[in-house]
Amino acid sequence: MPPKPFTPAQRLVAFWLKVDKNGPVPEVRPDLGRCWLWLGTKNEHGYGTFVVEGRRKIKAHHFLVGKSPNGLDWDQLCRLRHWVTPAHLEAVSRSVNLRRGLQSGLTPHCPHGHPFTLENTGLSTVGHRYCRACLRQRARRRNGWTEEAAAMPEKSQHRRRQDHCPQGHPYDAANTYIDRKGWQVCRTCQRTRQNVWRQRQRNILLLV
């Protein structure tokens, strides 16, 4: 027989068995007092996880405070990830959360060297930072761009009224069309992207 699911009282007991309320005082905010450290499992980003309702995992601190209100993010005032102290959370806007993170001594650059500025930093739905420049480069490489062209910053891209596309193909009458927004589009690059997409679809069908 499968094991019986935990009752709410049993789940609460199991949760507190994984909490150490005698954690360190955060250096960035000693006024907050001691952190309640999570002793259970953690995800790949260092956040504590707790199993509820069968096998569904949530962040450990969400068990006590729930998800952040609509349109807001939980800001970790103590700057620790494996903690569950409700008093160390504040619901703020995403821009405030990013600004505080940038000012708190977090890694100032992504692994590829792009700075985590407000313009270049995104925040996923689960609260993880990501580099917009890296995201843009990965999308360009998937569309068949060369490494050199993919690494060009957004403002350096060739736009309308240019002689050549970012790949070096000429914007002549046979190789150019204007899209609905008025941008020049290189037909050669467009065909390359379509061929990459078709090949990807064929590979998917072969795996089915």
N, C-alpha and C. Protein backbone atom coordinates (compact mmCIF):
# COMPACT_ATOMS: atom_id res chain seq x y z
N MET A 1 0.84 -1.20 0.00
CA MET A 1 0.00 0.00 0.00
C MET A 1 0.87 1.25 0.00
N PRO A 2 0.49 2.27 -0.76
CA PRO A 2 1.27 3.52 -0.74
C PRO A 2 1.13 4.20 0.61
N PRO A 3 2.15 4.93 1.02
CA PRO A 3 2.07 5.61 2.33
C PRO A 3 0.97 6.66 2.33
N LYS A 4 0.36 6.82 3.50
CA LYS A 4 -0.70 7.81 3.63
C LYS A 4 -0.10 9.22 3.57
N PRO A 5 -0.79 10.16 2.94
CA PRO A 5 -0.27 11.53 2.89
C PRO A 5 -0.26 12.16 4.27
N PHE A 6 0.65 13.11 4.43
CA PHE A 6 0.75 13.82 5.70
C PHE A 6 -0.52 14.64 5.94
N THR A 7 -0.92 14.69 7.19
CA THR A 7 -1.95 15.65 7.57
C THR A 7 -1.30 17.03 7.70
N PRO A 8 -2.07 18.11 7.69
CA PRO A 8 -1.47 19.44 7.87
C PRO A 8 -0.62 19.56 9.13
N ALA A 9 -1.05 18.93 10.21
CA ALA A 9 -0.27 19.00 11.46
C ALA A 9 1.05 18.25 11.31
N GLN A 10 1.03 17.09 10.67
CA GLN A 10 2.25 16.33 10.47
C GLN A 10 3.22 17.06 9.54
N ARG A 11 2.66 17.71 8.51
CA ARG A 11 3.51 18.45 7.58
C ARG A 11 4.17 19.64 8.29
N LEU A 12 3.45 20.28 9.18
CA LEU A 12 4.00 21.40 9.94
C LEU A 12 5.15 20.94 10.83
N VAL A 13 4.97 19.78 11.49
CA VAL A 13 6.03 19.24 12.33
C VAL A 13 7.25 18.90 11.49
N ALA A 14 7.03 18.30 10.31
CA ALA A 14 8.14 17.93 9.43
C ALA A 14 8.90 19.17 8.96
N PHE A 15 8.16 20.26 8.76
CA PHE A 15 8.81 21.50 8.32
C PHE A 15 9.73 22.04 9.41
N TRP A 16 9.25 22.16 10.64
CA TRP A 16 10.05 22.78 11.69
C TRP A 16 11.23 21.90 12.11
N LEU A 17 11.18 20.60 11.84
CA LEU A 17 12.34 19.76 12.11
C LEU A 17 13.52 20.10 11.21
N LYS A 18 13.27 20.81 10.12
CA LYS A 18 14.32 21.17 9.17
C LYS A 18 14.77 22.62 9.32
N VAL A 19 14.37 23.27 10.42
CA VAL A 19 14.68 24.69 10.61
C VAL A 19 15.58 24.87 11.83
N ASP A 20 16.62 25.68 11.67
CA ASP A 20 17.51 26.05 12.78
C ASP A 20 17.32 27.55 13.04
N LYS A 21 16.67 27.88 14.15
CA LYS A 21 16.40 29.28 14.46
C LYS A 21 17.60 30.00 15.06
N ASN A 22 18.71 29.32 15.25
CA ASN A 22 19.91 29.94 15.81
C ASN A 22 20.95 30.20 14.72
N GLY A 23 20.49 30.63 13.58
CA GLY A 23 21.40 30.94 12.48
C GLY A 23 22.17 32.22 12.71
N PRO A 24 23.03 32.61 11.77
CA PRO A 24 23.86 33.80 11.95
C PRO A 24 23.05 35.09 11.80
N VAL A 25 23.60 36.14 12.32
CA VAL A 25 23.03 37.47 12.12
C VAL A 25 23.56 38.00 10.78
N PRO A 26 22.72 38.42 9.86
CA PRO A 26 23.20 38.85 8.55
C PRO A 26 24.08 40.09 8.66
N GLU A 27 25.22 40.05 7.98
CA GLU A 27 26.16 41.18 8.04
C GLU A 27 25.57 42.42 7.37
N VAL A 28 24.78 42.23 6.33
CA VAL A 28 24.24 43.40 5.61
C VAL A 28 23.14 44.08 6.40
N ARG A 29 22.43 43.33 7.27
CA ARG A 29 21.35 43.91 8.08
C ARG A 29 21.34 43.27 9.46
N PRO A 30 22.31 43.65 10.34
CA PRO A 30 22.32 43.05 11.67
C PRO A 30 21.09 43.39 12.50
N ASP A 31 20.38 44.46 12.14
CA ASP A 31 19.18 44.84 12.87
C ASP A 31 18.04 43.84 12.71
N LEU A 32 18.15 42.96 11.71
CA LEU A 32 17.08 41.98 11.48
C LEU A 32 17.10 40.84 12.48
N GLY A 33 18.22 40.64 13.16
CA GLY A 33 18.33 39.51 14.08
C GLY A 33 18.75 38.24 13.36
N ARG A 34 18.69 37.14 14.06
CA ARG A 34 19.19 35.87 13.53
C ARG A 34 18.31 35.34 12.40
N CYS A 35 18.98 34.68 11.44
CA CYS A 35 18.26 34.00 10.36
C CYS A 35 17.82 32.61 10.82
N TRP A 36 16.67 32.19 10.34
CA TRP A 36 16.23 30.82 10.55
C TRP A 36 16.71 30.02 9.35
N LEU A 37 17.74 29.23 9.54
CA LEU A 37 18.35 28.51 8.44
C LEU A 37 17.56 27.26 8.08
N TRP A 38 17.51 26.97 6.79
CA TRP A 38 16.84 25.77 6.30
C TRP A 38 17.86 24.64 6.21
N LEU A 39 17.58 23.54 6.88
CA LEU A 39 18.50 22.40 6.94
C LEU A 39 18.13 21.30 5.95
N GLY A 40 17.01 21.48 5.25
CA GLY A 40 16.55 20.46 4.31
C GLY A 40 17.21 20.61 2.94
N THR A 41 16.57 20.04 1.94
CA THR A 41 17.11 20.05 0.59
C THR A 41 17.05 21.45 -0.01
N LYS A 42 17.93 21.68 -0.97
CA LYS A 42 17.99 22.97 -1.67
C LYS A 42 17.97 22.71 -3.17
N ASN A 43 17.50 23.70 -3.92
CA ASN A 43 17.51 23.56 -5.37
C ASN A 43 18.86 24.01 -5.92
N GLU A 44 18.98 24.02 -7.25
CA GLU A 44 20.26 24.34 -7.87
C GLU A 44 20.67 25.79 -7.66
N HIS A 45 19.75 26.63 -7.23
CA HIS A 45 20.06 28.04 -6.99
C HIS A 45 20.30 28.34 -5.51
N GLY A 46 20.25 27.32 -4.66
CA GLY A 46 20.54 27.52 -3.25
C GLY A 46 19.34 27.78 -2.38
N TYR A 47 18.13 27.82 -2.95
CA TYR A 47 16.93 28.06 -2.15
C TYR A 47 16.45 26.75 -1.53
N GLY A 48 16.00 26.81 -0.28
CA GLY A 48 15.45 25.64 0.36
C GLY A 48 14.16 25.20 -0.30
N THR A 49 13.93 23.89 -0.36
CA THR A 49 12.70 23.36 -0.95
C THR A 49 12.02 22.44 0.04
N PHE A 50 10.70 22.40 -0.05
CA PHE A 50 9.88 21.59 0.86
C PHE A 50 8.77 20.93 0.05
N VAL A 51 8.52 19.66 0.32
CA VAL A 51 7.53 18.89 -0.43
C VAL A 51 6.17 19.05 0.23
N VAL A 52 5.19 19.42 -0.56
CA VAL A 52 3.81 19.52 -0.08
C VAL A 52 2.90 18.81 -1.08
N GLU A 53 1.78 18.33 -0.59
CA GLU A 53 0.76 17.71 -1.44
C GLU A 53 1.37 16.68 -2.38
N GLY A 54 1.89 15.62 -1.81
CA GLY A 54 2.49 14.57 -2.62
C GLY A 54 3.93 14.88 -2.94
N ARG A 55 4.22 15.08 -4.23
CA ARG A 55 5.59 15.32 -4.66
C ARG A 55 5.84 16.76 -5.10
N ARG A 56 4.88 17.63 -4.95
CA ARG A 56 5.05 19.02 -5.40
C ARG A 56 6.00 19.75 -4.46
N LYS A 57 7.03 20.37 -5.05
CA LYS A 57 8.02 21.11 -4.27
C LYS A 57 7.76 22.60 -4.37
N ILE A 58 7.94 23.28 -3.26
CA ILE A 58 7.86 24.74 -3.24
C ILE A 58 9.10 25.26 -2.52
N LYS A 59 9.36 26.55 -2.66
CA LYS A 59 10.43 27.14 -1.87
C LYS A 59 10.03 27.09 -0.40
N ALA A 60 11.02 26.80 0.43
CA ALA A 60 10.72 26.56 1.85
C ALA A 60 10.04 27.77 2.50
N HIS A 61 10.51 28.97 2.18
CA HIS A 61 9.91 30.14 2.84
C HIS A 61 8.49 30.40 2.36
N HIS A 62 8.11 29.88 1.19
CA HIS A 62 6.74 30.03 0.72
C HIS A 62 5.76 29.23 1.58
N PHE A 63 6.25 28.21 2.28
CA PHE A 63 5.38 27.43 3.15
C PHE A 63 4.84 28.29 4.28
N LEU A 64 5.64 29.29 4.70
CA LEU A 64 5.21 30.15 5.81
C LEU A 64 4.50 31.41 5.34
N VAL A 65 4.96 32.00 4.25
CA VAL A 65 4.43 33.31 3.85
C VAL A 65 3.65 33.27 2.54
N GLY A 66 3.72 32.14 1.84
CA GLY A 66 3.04 32.06 0.55
C GLY A 66 3.82 32.77 -0.53
N LYS A 67 3.26 32.77 -1.74
CA LYS A 67 3.91 33.47 -2.85
C LYS A 67 3.75 34.98 -2.67
N SER A 68 4.57 35.72 -3.37
CA SER A 68 4.53 37.18 -3.27
C SER A 68 3.22 37.70 -3.85
N PRO A 69 2.73 38.84 -3.36
CA PRO A 69 1.50 39.42 -3.90
C PRO A 69 1.63 39.72 -5.40
N ASN A 70 0.52 39.82 -6.06
CA ASN A 70 0.52 40.07 -7.50
C ASN A 70 1.28 41.35 -7.84
N GLY A 71 2.18 41.23 -8.81
CA GLY A 71 2.94 42.39 -9.26
C GLY A 71 4.14 42.72 -8.41
N LEU A 72 4.39 41.95 -7.36
CA LEU A 72 5.51 42.24 -6.47
C LEU A 72 6.41 41.00 -6.34
N ASP A 73 7.62 41.21 -5.82
CA ASP A 73 8.57 40.13 -5.55
C ASP A 73 8.94 40.15 -4.07
N TRP A 74 9.27 38.97 -3.55
CA TRP A 74 9.81 38.91 -2.20
C TRP A 74 11.28 39.32 -2.24
N ASP A 75 11.62 40.37 -1.52
CA ASP A 75 13.01 40.80 -1.40
C ASP A 75 13.60 40.20 -0.13
N GLN A 76 14.72 39.46 -0.29
CA GLN A 76 15.38 38.82 0.85
C GLN A 76 16.30 39.85 1.51
N LEU A 77 15.86 40.44 2.56
CA LEU A 77 16.61 41.53 3.19
C LEU A 77 17.94 41.05 3.76
N CYS A 78 18.01 39.80 4.17
CA CYS A 78 19.25 39.29 4.76
C CYS A 78 20.24 38.80 3.70
N ARG A 79 19.79 38.71 2.45
CA ARG A 79 20.62 38.28 1.31
C ARG A 79 21.09 36.84 1.43
N LEU A 80 20.38 36.02 2.23
CA LEU A 80 20.63 34.59 2.26
C LEU A 80 19.52 33.88 1.50
N ARG A 81 19.83 32.71 0.95
CA ARG A 81 18.84 31.98 0.17
C ARG A 81 18.29 30.77 0.92
N HIS A 82 19.09 30.18 1.80
CA HIS A 82 18.63 28.98 2.52
C HIS A 82 18.13 29.39 3.90
N TRP A 83 17.11 30.19 3.91
CA TRP A 83 16.54 30.70 5.16
C TRP A 83 15.02 30.71 5.03
N VAL A 84 14.32 30.81 6.16
CA VAL A 84 12.85 30.81 6.14
C VAL A 84 12.28 31.85 7.10
N THR A 85 13.05 32.89 7.40
CA THR A 85 12.60 33.88 8.39
C THR A 85 11.58 34.82 7.75
N PRO A 86 10.31 34.79 8.17
CA PRO A 86 9.32 35.68 7.56
C PRO A 86 9.65 37.16 7.74
N ALA A 87 10.27 37.52 8.87
CA ALA A 87 10.58 38.93 9.12
C ALA A 87 11.68 39.46 8.21
N HIS A 88 12.37 38.58 7.50
CA HIS A 88 13.45 39.01 6.61
C HIS A 88 12.98 39.18 5.18
N LEU A 89 11.66 39.20 4.97
CA LEU A 89 11.09 39.36 3.64
C LEU A 89 10.31 40.66 3.55
N GLU A 90 10.37 41.25 2.38
CA GLU A 90 9.59 42.46 2.12
C GLU A 90 9.07 42.39 0.68
N ALA A 91 7.80 42.63 0.49
CA ALA A 91 7.21 42.63 -0.85
C ALA A 91 7.46 43.98 -1.51
N VAL A 92 8.23 43.95 -2.60
CA VAL A 92 8.59 45.19 -3.31
C VAL A 92 8.40 44.97 -4.80
N SER A 93 8.45 46.03 -5.56
CA SER A 93 8.36 45.92 -7.01
C SER A 93 9.62 45.26 -7.56
N ARG A 94 9.53 44.76 -8.79
CA ARG A 94 10.68 44.07 -9.38
C ARG A 94 11.86 45.01 -9.57
N SER A 95 11.60 46.25 -9.98
CA SER A 95 12.70 47.18 -10.18
C SER A 95 13.43 47.47 -8.87
N VAL A 96 12.69 47.61 -7.77
CA VAL A 96 13.31 47.82 -6.46
C VAL A 96 14.11 46.60 -6.04
N ASN A 97 13.57 45.42 -6.28
CA ASN A 97 14.26 44.18 -5.93
C ASN A 97 15.58 44.06 -6.69
N LEU A 98 15.56 44.37 -7.98
CA LEU A 98 16.78 44.32 -8.78
C LEU A 98 17.79 45.35 -8.30
N ARG A 99 17.32 46.57 -8.02
CA ARG A 99 18.23 47.63 -7.59
C ARG A 99 18.90 47.27 -6.27
N ARG A 100 18.14 46.73 -5.33
CA ARG A 100 18.72 46.35 -4.05
C ARG A 100 19.72 45.20 -4.22
N GLY A 101 19.39 44.25 -5.11
CA GLY A 101 20.31 43.16 -5.35
C GLY A 101 21.62 43.62 -5.93
N LEU A 102 21.56 44.60 -6.85
CA LEU A 102 22.77 45.12 -7.46
C LEU A 102 23.62 45.89 -6.45
N GLN A 103 22.96 46.47 -5.43
CA GLN A 103 23.68 47.27 -4.45
C GLN A 103 24.16 46.45 -3.25
N SER A 104 23.80 45.17 -3.21
CA SER A 104 24.08 44.38 -2.00
C SER A 104 25.34 43.54 -2.10
N GLY A 105 26.13 43.72 -3.16
CA GLY A 105 27.35 42.95 -3.27
C GLY A 105 27.20 41.65 -4.01
N LEU A 106 26.08 41.44 -4.73
CA LEU A 106 25.95 40.25 -5.55
C LEU A 106 26.93 40.33 -6.72
N THR A 107 27.12 39.21 -7.41
CA THR A 107 28.06 39.17 -8.52
C THR A 107 27.71 40.27 -9.53
N PRO A 108 28.65 41.18 -9.80
CA PRO A 108 28.31 42.32 -10.67
C PRO A 108 28.25 41.97 -12.15
N HIS A 109 28.75 40.78 -12.53
CA HIS A 109 28.78 40.40 -13.93
C HIS A 109 28.24 38.97 -14.08
N CYS A 110 27.71 38.68 -15.26
CA CYS A 110 27.30 37.32 -15.58
C CYS A 110 28.54 36.49 -15.89
N PRO A 111 28.43 35.15 -16.04
CA PRO A 111 29.62 34.33 -16.35
C PRO A 111 30.34 34.72 -17.63
N HIS A 112 29.65 35.44 -18.55
CA HIS A 112 30.28 35.86 -19.80
C HIS A 112 30.78 37.30 -19.75
N GLY A 113 30.73 37.92 -18.57
CA GLY A 113 31.32 39.24 -18.42
C GLY A 113 30.39 40.41 -18.64
N HIS A 114 29.11 40.17 -18.95
CA HIS A 114 28.18 41.29 -19.14
C HIS A 114 27.77 41.85 -17.77
N PRO A 115 27.76 43.16 -17.60
CA PRO A 115 27.42 43.73 -16.29
C PRO A 115 25.94 43.55 -15.97
N PHE A 116 25.66 43.27 -14.71
CA PHE A 116 24.28 43.15 -14.25
C PHE A 116 23.75 44.55 -13.91
N THR A 117 23.55 45.36 -14.95
CA THR A 117 22.93 46.67 -14.75
C THR A 117 21.41 46.51 -14.76
N LEU A 118 20.72 47.60 -14.42
CA LEU A 118 19.26 47.53 -14.44
C LEU A 118 18.74 47.24 -15.83
N GLU A 119 19.41 47.81 -16.87
CA GLU A 119 18.96 47.60 -18.24
C GLU A 119 19.25 46.18 -18.72
N ASN A 120 20.31 45.56 -18.19
CA ASN A 120 20.74 44.26 -18.70
C ASN A 120 20.35 43.11 -17.78
N THR A 121 19.57 43.36 -16.76
CA THR A 121 19.21 42.33 -15.79
C THR A 121 17.73 42.06 -15.85
N GLY A 122 17.39 40.79 -16.01
CA GLY A 122 16.01 40.36 -15.93
C GLY A 122 15.80 39.48 -14.72
N LEU A 123 14.55 39.30 -14.35
CA LEU A 123 14.22 38.47 -13.19
C LEU A 123 13.15 37.49 -13.63
N SER A 124 13.44 36.19 -13.48
CA SER A 124 12.50 35.16 -13.92
C SER A 124 11.31 35.10 -12.98
N THR A 125 10.34 34.28 -13.37
CA THR A 125 9.13 34.16 -12.55
C THR A 125 9.40 33.51 -11.20
N VAL A 126 10.54 32.82 -11.06
CA VAL A 126 10.88 32.20 -9.77
C VAL A 126 11.92 33.02 -9.03
N GLY A 127 12.21 34.23 -9.49
CA GLY A 127 13.07 35.14 -8.74
C GLY A 127 14.55 35.04 -9.02
N HIS A 128 14.95 34.44 -10.12
CA HIS A 128 16.37 34.30 -10.46
C HIS A 128 16.78 35.35 -11.48
N ARG A 129 17.96 35.92 -11.26
CA ARG A 129 18.49 36.90 -12.21
C ARG A 129 18.94 36.21 -13.50
N TYR A 130 18.80 36.92 -14.61
CA TYR A 130 19.40 36.44 -15.84
C TYR A 130 19.91 37.62 -16.64
N CYS A 131 20.89 37.35 -17.50
CA CYS A 131 21.54 38.39 -18.30
C CYS A 131 20.79 38.54 -19.63
N ARG A 132 20.28 39.73 -19.90
CA ARG A 132 19.55 39.96 -21.14
C ARG A 132 20.45 39.83 -22.36
N ALA A 133 21.72 40.26 -22.25
CA ALA A 133 22.63 40.16 -23.38
C ALA A 133 22.88 38.70 -23.75
N CYS A 134 23.07 37.84 -22.76
CA CYS A 134 23.28 36.42 -23.04
C CYS A 134 22.02 35.80 -23.65
N LEU A 135 20.87 36.19 -23.14
CA LEU A 135 19.61 35.68 -23.68
C LEU A 135 19.46 36.07 -25.15
N ARG A 136 19.81 37.32 -25.46
CA ARG A 136 19.71 37.80 -26.84
C ARG A 136 20.69 37.06 -27.75
N GLN A 137 21.90 36.80 -27.26
CA GLN A 137 22.90 36.11 -28.08
C GLN A 137 22.49 34.67 -28.35
N ARG A 138 21.92 33.99 -27.35
CA ARG A 138 21.47 32.62 -27.58
C ARG A 138 20.38 32.57 -28.63
N ALA A 139 19.46 33.54 -28.59
CA ALA A 139 18.39 33.58 -29.59
C ALA A 139 18.95 33.82 -30.98
N ARG A 140 19.96 34.68 -31.10
CA ARG A 140 20.56 34.95 -32.40
C ARG A 140 21.29 33.72 -32.95
N ARG A 141 22.00 33.00 -32.09
CA ARG A 141 22.70 31.80 -32.55
C ARG A 141 21.71 30.74 -33.02
N ARG A 142 20.58 30.62 -32.33
CA ARG A 142 19.57 29.65 -32.77
C ARG A 142 19.02 30.01 -34.14
N ASN A 143 19.02 31.30 -34.47
CA ASN A 143 18.52 31.76 -35.76
C ASN A 143 19.59 31.78 -36.84
N GLY A 144 20.76 31.19 -36.55
CA GLY A 144 21.77 31.05 -37.57
C GLY A 144 22.76 32.19 -37.68
N TRP A 145 22.79 33.11 -36.72
CA TRP A 145 23.75 34.22 -36.77
C TRP A 145 25.15 33.69 -36.48
N THR A 146 26.15 34.37 -37.03
CA THR A 146 27.53 34.03 -36.72
C THR A 146 27.83 34.48 -35.29
N GLU A 147 28.91 33.93 -34.71
CA GLU A 147 29.29 34.28 -33.34
C GLU A 147 29.60 35.77 -33.24
N GLU A 148 30.27 36.31 -34.26
CA GLU A 148 30.63 37.74 -34.21
C GLU A 148 29.40 38.62 -34.24
N ALA A 149 28.45 38.29 -35.12
CA ALA A 149 27.23 39.09 -35.20
C ALA A 149 26.37 38.92 -33.96
N ALA A 150 26.31 37.71 -33.41
CA ALA A 150 25.49 37.46 -32.23
C ALA A 150 26.00 38.23 -31.02
N ALA A 151 27.32 38.48 -30.96
CA ALA A 151 27.90 39.17 -29.82
C ALA A 151 27.79 40.68 -29.91
N MET A 152 27.32 41.21 -31.02
CA MET A 152 27.19 42.66 -31.16
C MET A 152 26.10 43.19 -30.26
N PRO A 153 26.31 44.31 -29.57
CA PRO A 153 25.26 44.88 -28.73
C PRO A 153 24.08 45.32 -29.57
N GLU A 154 22.94 45.45 -28.91
CA GLU A 154 21.69 45.75 -29.61
C GLU A 154 21.77 47.05 -30.40
N LYS A 155 22.37 48.08 -29.81
CA LYS A 155 22.40 49.37 -30.47
C LYS A 155 23.36 49.40 -31.66
N SER A 156 24.24 48.40 -31.77
CA SER A 156 25.19 48.36 -32.87
C SER A 156 24.67 47.59 -34.07
N GLN A 157 23.47 46.99 -33.94
CA GLN A 157 22.94 46.21 -35.04
C GLN A 157 22.60 47.12 -36.22
N HIS A 158 22.82 46.60 -37.43
CA HIS A 158 22.48 47.34 -38.63
C HIS A 158 20.97 47.38 -38.77
N ARG A 159 20.42 48.55 -38.89
CA ARG A 159 18.99 48.70 -39.03
C ARG A 159 18.67 49.14 -40.45
N ARG A 160 17.65 49.89 -40.60
CA ARG A 160 17.22 50.29 -41.93
C ARG A 160 18.24 51.25 -42.57
N ARG A 161 18.19 51.29 -43.89
CA ARG A 161 19.05 52.15 -44.71
C ARG A 161 20.53 51.80 -44.51
N GLN A 162 20.83 50.52 -44.38
CA GLN A 162 22.20 50.05 -44.33
C GLN A 162 22.54 49.35 -45.63
N ASP A 163 23.83 49.25 -45.94
CA ASP A 163 24.26 48.59 -47.17
C ASP A 163 24.32 47.08 -47.03
N HIS A 164 24.57 46.60 -45.80
CA HIS A 164 24.70 45.17 -45.57
C HIS A 164 23.98 44.79 -44.28
N CYS A 165 23.53 43.54 -44.22
CA CYS A 165 22.92 43.02 -42.99
C CYS A 165 24.02 42.68 -41.99
N PRO A 166 23.69 42.35 -40.73
CA PRO A 166 24.73 42.00 -39.76
C PRO A 166 25.60 40.82 -40.17
N GLN A 167 25.11 39.95 -41.08
CA GLN A 167 25.90 38.81 -41.54
C GLN A 167 26.77 39.18 -42.73
N GLY A 168 26.64 40.40 -43.27
CA GLY A 168 27.46 40.82 -44.38
C GLY A 168 26.80 40.67 -45.74
N HIS A 169 25.55 40.22 -45.80
CA HIS A 169 24.87 40.08 -47.08
C HIS A 169 24.41 41.47 -47.56
N PRO A 170 24.54 41.75 -48.85
CA PRO A 170 24.18 43.09 -49.34
C PRO A 170 22.66 43.32 -49.31
N TYR A 171 22.28 44.54 -48.96
CA TYR A 171 20.88 44.94 -49.01
C TYR A 171 20.59 45.46 -50.42
N ASP A 172 20.58 44.56 -51.41
CA ASP A 172 20.24 44.99 -52.76
C ASP A 172 18.79 44.63 -53.05
N ALA A 173 18.36 44.94 -54.28
CA ALA A 173 16.95 44.75 -54.63
C ALA A 173 16.53 43.29 -54.56
N ALA A 174 17.44 42.36 -54.93
CA ALA A 174 17.08 40.95 -54.95
C ALA A 174 17.11 40.32 -53.57
N ASN A 175 17.83 40.92 -52.63
CA ASN A 175 18.04 40.29 -51.33
C ASN A 175 17.35 41.03 -50.19
N THR A 176 16.48 41.96 -50.51
CA THR A 176 15.89 42.82 -49.47
C THR A 176 14.38 42.91 -49.64
N TYR A 177 13.68 42.85 -48.51
CA TYR A 177 12.28 43.23 -48.51
C TYR A 177 11.99 44.00 -47.23
N ILE A 178 10.91 44.74 -47.23
CA ILE A 178 10.53 45.59 -46.09
C ILE A 178 9.35 44.93 -45.38
N ASP A 179 9.52 44.71 -44.06
CA ASP A 179 8.44 44.07 -43.32
C ASP A 179 7.35 45.07 -42.96
N ARG A 180 6.34 44.61 -42.23
CA ARG A 180 5.19 45.46 -41.91
C ARG A 180 5.54 46.64 -41.02
N LYS A 181 6.65 46.54 -40.28
CA LYS A 181 7.07 47.64 -39.42
C LYS A 181 8.04 48.59 -40.10
N GLY A 182 8.33 48.32 -41.37
CA GLY A 182 9.21 49.22 -42.10
C GLY A 182 10.68 48.90 -41.99
N TRP A 183 11.05 47.72 -41.47
CA TRP A 183 12.44 47.34 -41.32
C TRP A 183 12.93 46.59 -42.54
N GLN A 184 14.19 46.83 -42.90
CA GLN A 184 14.82 46.04 -43.95
C GLN A 184 15.07 44.63 -43.45
N VAL A 185 14.80 43.63 -44.26
CA VAL A 185 15.02 42.24 -43.90
C VAL A 185 15.84 41.59 -44.99
N CYS A 186 16.88 40.87 -44.57
CA CYS A 186 17.76 40.16 -45.50
C CYS A 186 17.11 38.82 -45.88
N ARG A 187 16.87 38.61 -47.17
CA ARG A 187 16.25 37.36 -47.62
C ARG A 187 17.15 36.16 -47.37
N THR A 188 18.45 36.32 -47.54
CA THR A 188 19.37 35.21 -47.31
C THR A 188 19.34 34.75 -45.86
N CYS A 189 19.37 35.70 -44.94
CA CYS A 189 19.29 35.35 -43.52
C CYS A 189 17.94 34.74 -43.18
N GLN A 190 16.89 35.27 -43.80
CA GLN A 190 15.56 34.73 -43.55
C GLN A 190 15.46 33.28 -44.01
N ARG A 191 16.03 32.96 -45.18
CA ARG A 191 16.02 31.58 -45.66
C ARG A 191 16.84 30.68 -44.74
N THR A 192 17.98 31.20 -44.25
CA THR A 192 18.80 30.41 -43.33
C THR A 192 18.04 30.07 -42.06
N ARG A 193 17.35 31.06 -41.51
CA ARG A 193 16.57 30.80 -40.29
C ARG A 193 15.46 29.80 -40.55
N GLN A 194 14.81 29.90 -41.71
CA GLN A 194 13.74 28.95 -42.04
C GLN A 194 14.29 27.55 -42.20
N ASN A 195 15.47 27.42 -42.83
CA ASN A 195 16.06 26.10 -43.00
C ASN A 195 16.46 25.49 -41.66
N VAL A 196 16.99 26.32 -40.75
CA VAL A 196 17.33 25.83 -39.42
C VAL A 196 16.09 25.34 -38.70
N TRP A 197 15.01 26.10 -38.82
CA TRP A 197 13.74 25.71 -38.17
C TRP A 197 13.21 24.42 -38.76
N ARG A 198 13.23 24.27 -40.09
CA ARG A 198 12.72 23.05 -40.72
C ARG A 198 13.55 21.83 -40.32
N GLN A 199 14.88 22.01 -40.28
CA GLN A 199 15.74 20.90 -39.88
C GLN A 199 15.47 20.49 -38.45
N ARG A 200 15.21 21.46 -37.60
CA ARG A 200 14.90 21.16 -36.21
C ARG A 200 13.60 20.39 -36.09
N GLN A 201 12.60 20.77 -36.91
CA GLN A 201 11.32 20.05 -36.89
C GLN A 201 11.49 18.63 -37.40
N ARG A 202 12.31 18.43 -38.44
CA ARG A 202 12.55 17.08 -38.95
C ARG A 202 13.23 16.22 -37.90
N ASN A 203 14.19 16.81 -37.17
CA ASN A 203 14.87 16.05 -36.12
C ASN A 203 13.91 15.64 -35.02
N ILE A 204 12.97 16.53 -34.71
CA ILE A 204 11.97 16.20 -33.69
C ILE A 204 11.10 15.04 -34.14
N LEU A 205 10.68 15.06 -35.42
CA LEU A 205 9.83 14.01 -35.93
C LEU A 205 10.54 12.66 -35.95
N LEU A 206 11.85 12.68 -36.19
CA LEU A 206 12.62 11.43 -36.20
C LEU A 206 12.71 10.82 -34.80
N LEU A 207 12.61 11.67 -33.80
CA LEU A 207 12.71 11.16 -32.43
C LEU A 207 11.37 10.63 -31.91
N VAL A 208 10.28 10.99 -32.58
CA VAL A 208 8.96 10.56 -32.12
C VAL A 208 8.76 9.08 -32.43
